[in-house]
Protein backbone atom coordinates (compact mmCIF):
# COMPACT_ATOMS: atom_id res chain seq x y z
CA UNK A 1 -212.70 102.27 -6.54
CA UNK A 2 -213.97 104.52 -3.79
CA UNK A 3 -212.90 104.25 -0.17
CA UNK A 4 -213.82 106.45 2.77
CA UNK A 5 -211.33 107.36 5.45
CA UNK A 6 -211.21 110.16 8.02
CA UNK A 7 -214.53 111.38 6.65
CA UNK A 8 -213.17 111.82 3.12
CA UNK A 9 -214.17 109.92 -0.03
CA UNK A 10 -211.10 108.94 -2.03
CA UNK A 11 -211.55 107.82 -5.63
CA UNK A 12 -208.74 105.55 -6.84
CA UNK A 13 -208.21 105.38 -10.59
CA UNK A 14 -205.65 103.24 -12.40
CA UNK A 15 -203.27 105.03 -14.72
CA UNK A 16 -204.02 102.36 -17.35
CA UNK A 17 -207.70 103.28 -17.47
CA UNK A 18 -206.88 106.94 -18.04
CA UNK A 19 -204.50 105.99 -20.86
CA UNK A 20 -206.93 103.52 -22.44
CA UNK A 21 -209.80 106.02 -22.40
CA UNK A 22 -207.52 108.74 -23.74
CA UNK A 23 -206.50 106.49 -26.64
CA UNK A 24 -210.09 105.54 -27.50
CA UNK A 25 -211.35 109.10 -27.23
CA UNK A 26 -208.48 110.52 -29.25
CA UNK A 27 -208.92 107.91 -31.99
CA UNK A 28 -212.63 108.77 -32.24
CA UNK A 29 -212.49 112.58 -31.88
CA UNK A 30 -208.80 113.48 -32.43
CA UNK A 31 -208.88 115.26 -29.10
CA UNK A 32 -208.74 114.43 -25.41
CA UNK A 33 -209.45 116.91 -22.62
CA UNK A 34 -206.57 117.78 -20.29
CA UNK A 35 -206.10 115.17 -17.55
CA UNK A 36 -207.01 117.63 -14.78
CA UNK A 37 -210.42 118.16 -16.43
CA UNK A 38 -210.99 114.42 -16.74
CA UNK A 39 -210.04 113.86 -13.08
CA UNK A 40 -212.30 116.73 -12.00
CA UNK A 41 -215.18 115.08 -13.87
CA UNK A 42 -214.51 111.71 -12.23
CA UNK A 43 -214.31 113.45 -8.84
CA UNK A 44 -217.69 115.05 -9.42
CA UNK A 45 -219.34 111.85 -10.69
CA UNK A 46 -218.07 109.84 -7.71
CA UNK A 47 -218.85 112.63 -5.23
CA UNK A 48 -215.26 112.22 -4.08
CA UNK A 49 -213.21 114.63 -2.03
CA UNK A 50 -210.03 113.60 -3.80
CA UNK A 51 -208.86 111.55 -6.77
CA UNK A 52 -205.69 109.47 -6.57
CA UNK A 53 -204.19 107.96 -9.71
CA UNK A 54 -202.34 104.73 -8.97
CA UNK A 55 -199.80 103.00 -11.22
CA UNK A 56 -200.35 99.75 -13.05
CA UNK A 57 -198.14 97.04 -14.49
CA UNK A 58 -198.44 94.29 -17.06
CA UNK A 59 -199.91 91.82 -14.55
CA UNK A 60 -201.64 94.33 -12.28
CA UNK A 61 -203.14 96.22 -15.18
CA UNK A 62 -206.39 97.06 -13.34
CA UNK A 63 -206.74 98.11 -9.73
CA UNK A 64 -208.97 95.12 -8.96
CA UNK A 65 -206.09 92.75 -9.70
CA UNK A 66 -204.21 94.18 -6.68
CA UNK A 67 -206.82 95.66 -4.33
CA UNK A 68 -210.49 95.65 -3.45
CA UNK A 69 -212.80 97.60 -1.17
CA UNK A 70 -214.20 95.43 1.62
CA UNK A 71 -215.83 98.22 3.63
CA UNK A 72 -215.62 101.95 2.99
CA UNK A 73 -212.54 102.27 5.25
CA UNK A 74 -211.10 98.78 4.73
CA UNK A 75 -209.30 97.68 1.61
CA UNK A 76 -207.74 94.34 0.73
CA UNK A 77 -204.33 94.39 -0.93
CA UNK A 78 -202.42 91.43 -2.34
CA UNK A 79 -199.43 90.41 -0.28
CA UNK A 80 -197.20 87.87 -2.05
CA UNK A 81 -195.61 85.48 0.42
CA UNK A 82 -192.64 85.20 -1.97
CA UNK A 83 -192.26 88.88 -2.83
CA UNK A 84 -188.70 88.33 -4.14
CA UNK A 85 -190.21 86.40 -7.05
CA UNK A 86 -192.27 89.36 -8.27
CA UNK A 87 -191.63 91.17 -11.51
CA UNK A 88 -190.04 94.54 -10.64
CA UNK A 89 -192.97 96.56 -12.04
CA UNK A 90 -195.48 94.45 -10.09
CA UNK A 91 -193.46 95.02 -6.92
CA UNK A 92 -193.45 98.80 -7.51
CA UNK A 93 -197.22 98.85 -8.03
CA UNK A 94 -197.88 96.95 -4.79
CA UNK A 95 -195.46 99.18 -2.84
CA UNK A 96 -197.08 102.35 -4.22
CA UNK A 97 -200.59 101.09 -3.48
CA UNK A 98 -199.61 100.12 0.07
CA UNK A 99 -197.98 103.53 0.57
CA UNK A 100 -201.03 105.41 -0.74
CA UNK A 101 -203.51 103.45 1.38
CA UNK A 102 -201.36 103.92 4.49
CA UNK A 103 -200.95 107.62 3.73
CA UNK A 104 -204.73 108.07 3.65
CA UNK A 105 -205.21 106.05 6.83
CA UNK A 106 -207.15 103.12 5.39
CA UNK A 107 -207.25 99.85 7.27
CA UNK A 108 -205.46 97.46 4.91
CA UNK A 109 -205.95 93.71 4.86
CA UNK A 110 -202.97 91.85 3.35
CA UNK A 111 -204.31 88.88 1.39
CA UNK A 112 -201.64 86.23 0.80
CA UNK A 113 -200.80 85.21 -2.73
CA UNK A 114 -197.83 83.98 -4.73
CA UNK A 115 -195.58 85.81 -7.20
CA UNK A 116 -196.40 83.27 -9.92
CA UNK A 117 -200.12 83.80 -9.28
CA UNK A 118 -199.59 87.52 -9.88
CA UNK A 119 -197.71 86.83 -13.13
CA UNK A 120 -200.46 84.45 -14.33
CA UNK A 121 -203.34 86.83 -13.47
CA UNK A 122 -204.61 84.84 -10.48
CA UNK A 123 -205.78 87.31 -7.84
CA UNK A 124 -207.39 86.43 -4.48
CA UNK A 125 -208.48 90.09 -4.08
CA UNK A 126 -210.35 90.22 -7.40
CA UNK A 127 -213.49 89.32 -5.50
CA UNK A 128 -217.22 89.93 -5.44
CA UNK A 129 -218.02 91.45 -2.03
CA UNK A 130 -221.67 91.72 -1.04
CA UNK A 131 -223.92 92.05 1.99
CA UNK A 132 -225.97 88.93 2.75
CA UNK A 133 -229.57 89.96 2.07
CA UNK A 134 -230.87 88.08 5.12
CA UNK A 135 -228.27 88.85 7.77
CA UNK A 136 -226.61 91.95 6.31
CA UNK A 137 -223.24 90.29 7.05
CA UNK A 138 -220.40 91.04 4.64
CA UNK A 139 -219.53 88.14 2.37
CA UNK A 140 -217.28 87.69 -0.65
CA UNK A 141 -216.95 85.25 -3.50
CA UNK A 142 -213.22 84.66 -3.81
CA UNK A 143 -211.52 83.01 -6.80
CA UNK A 144 -209.91 79.68 -6.08
CA UNK A 145 -206.92 78.32 -7.97
CA UNK A 146 -204.67 75.33 -7.34
CA UNK A 147 -204.11 74.36 -3.72
CA UNK A 148 -200.74 75.48 -2.41
CA UNK A 149 -199.00 75.67 0.96
CA UNK A 150 -197.03 78.40 2.70
CA UNK A 151 -194.57 77.89 5.51
CA UNK A 152 -195.59 79.34 8.87
CA UNK A 153 -193.70 78.63 12.08
CA UNK A 154 -191.84 75.84 10.32
CA UNK A 155 -194.98 74.05 9.20
CA UNK A 156 -196.92 73.99 5.95
CA UNK A 157 -200.27 75.79 5.98
CA UNK A 158 -202.71 75.70 3.08
CA UNK A 159 -202.91 79.12 1.36
CA UNK A 160 -206.71 79.03 1.45
CA UNK A 161 -206.70 78.69 5.24
CA UNK A 162 -204.61 81.87 5.35
CA UNK A 163 -206.92 83.65 2.90
CA UNK A 164 -210.01 82.65 4.90
CA UNK A 165 -208.35 83.88 8.10
CA UNK A 166 -207.39 87.34 6.82
CA UNK A 167 -210.82 87.95 5.32
CA UNK A 168 -212.49 86.62 8.48
CA UNK A 169 -210.37 88.94 10.64
CA UNK A 170 -211.71 91.80 8.50
CA UNK A 171 -215.31 90.65 9.11
CA UNK A 172 -215.82 89.04 5.71
CA UNK A 173 -217.18 85.49 5.25
CA UNK A 174 -215.60 83.80 2.25
CA UNK A 175 -217.12 81.53 -0.36
CA UNK A 176 -214.60 80.10 -2.81
CA UNK A 177 -215.42 79.39 -6.42
CA UNK A 178 -213.07 77.99 -9.03
CA UNK A 179 -211.90 80.75 -11.35
CA UNK A 180 -211.62 80.06 -15.05
CA UNK A 181 -211.23 83.75 -15.94
CA UNK A 182 -207.49 84.06 -15.34
CA UNK A 183 -206.45 82.67 -18.76
CA UNK A 184 -208.20 85.79 -20.08
CA UNK A 185 -206.21 87.99 -17.66
CA UNK A 186 -208.87 88.59 -15.01
CA UNK A 187 -211.02 87.15 -12.24
CA UNK A 188 -214.54 87.58 -10.85
CA UNK A 189 -214.61 91.33 -10.27
CA UNK A 190 -213.48 91.88 -13.87
CA UNK A 191 -216.60 90.13 -15.17
CA UNK A 192 -219.23 91.71 -12.91
CA UNK A 193 -220.33 95.30 -12.36
CA UNK A 194 -221.76 95.80 -8.87
CA UNK A 195 -224.93 97.87 -8.95
CA UNK A 196 -224.75 98.84 -5.29
């Protein structure tokens, strides 16, 4: 994922992807270039000013399970409303991602989710963002799972109302679609490669 902040292009790469590619390449050629060479190549291909490798976990095994780029300087990051229920590795990944995005100065949008959604590969940030071809307005297709409530000011609020609100505050119109990808450990962004 590439984000732009303070005039700099930052390429985020998940540690899992580096490891997976290293394993495939090594099994095919019995060699893998040093990591600094690989990162330099990615930096060049993405025309990035810097490459930042972020950690992964069993449930947040790809970056798009935990974060997404909404606009060049605005990134969405999952924000479990019941963070105490997270697996320790998942918690560390989210903390490190939040720290890295803050360090670079990105505007971060916290998208509410649940710890058990994280552990069952249900991610409301694994979205398909796009610009409406007629209006140019930013839109996103967001995966929808079972309806759940969160407590806010001592009253129950539907999680999807909260999700709509945080995306709307970031200037993104949301269209929900039922996700059937999560039993295969992914959501919409995992199944689609944006061309532009």
